[in-house]
């Protein structure tokens, strides 16, 4: 098991921390001393997760704050709350996500739900919080991707799947965007001399509610995504599946633009290892183009954050 280094005195935000990988990451960060914000869309679920963490670790410092990554106004409100307090942010864990809704759905701002929530929401959140990150000593941004990023394509003619919506293709696009974002943030940090480490991870095939929550949206009963029905694929528990993300977020061995995932069968299970980002995320020009397009779509720019 990966042993998370001491996080005493560090201030951490984890998105999607009410369940699954996000809750486990928050728990393991809190138990080694971090002050952790559970950034969740539904505060009641966040409070339940907080209670579970405190039951196991009564001295943990955990708080719940609402953010809906599928609503840029909510992202702004959340970020403004932290900016108003002014506490330097040591670690931002971009973990929240939705996977493969059966029908095309949109965010509050009209973006396709997966591209809008999984990528654009986290993009806007990170850029808005950069002043707090850059005020910290050795800050990090760790962003969760997926092995399915390998099938992703950024279609600038139809980024929101208005012409044709395919659930897994849209998911792969959003997860590719997460990887490209990670790489370009690392490049920006190097270019601008920021002491900021941008890293990425994927959990392989970890059994969480991700596989059912998205596939069940708009339906009357719980439904599994095709990924869980294709056969006896190797899979793992949350405690193991979260370790690549924790490595990306806390390991002293993690590197700028480093990408981490399971090293076992098919890259779906096993101990954490360094993995190579998909080819499309290794294209610096493409990454810069996606960043510029993300600024345009969200209206959140580096220039406006004065960083």
Foldseek 3Di string as FASTA:
>chain_A
DDQFPQPAPAEEEFEPCLWFLNVLLQLNNQQRHYQYEYEYQDQVSVVVSVVVSCVVPVVGHYYYDYAQLLDLVRLVVVLVVCVVVLAAHAEYELEDFAAFAPDFDHGPLGAGRGLRRSALSVLLNCLSNVVSPLVDAQHEYEYEAAPLLLLEDCDPVCNRQPPHDDGSNNNSNNRVLRLLLLQQVLVVCVVVVGSYAREYEYQAAEDICNQFPRHCPPHPDTDGHVVVVPDPDDYYYSVQSSVQRSCCGGPPPHGRSWYKAADDDPRRDHHIDTDDRHPCSVDNVSSVVSSVVSCVSSVRDNVVSVD
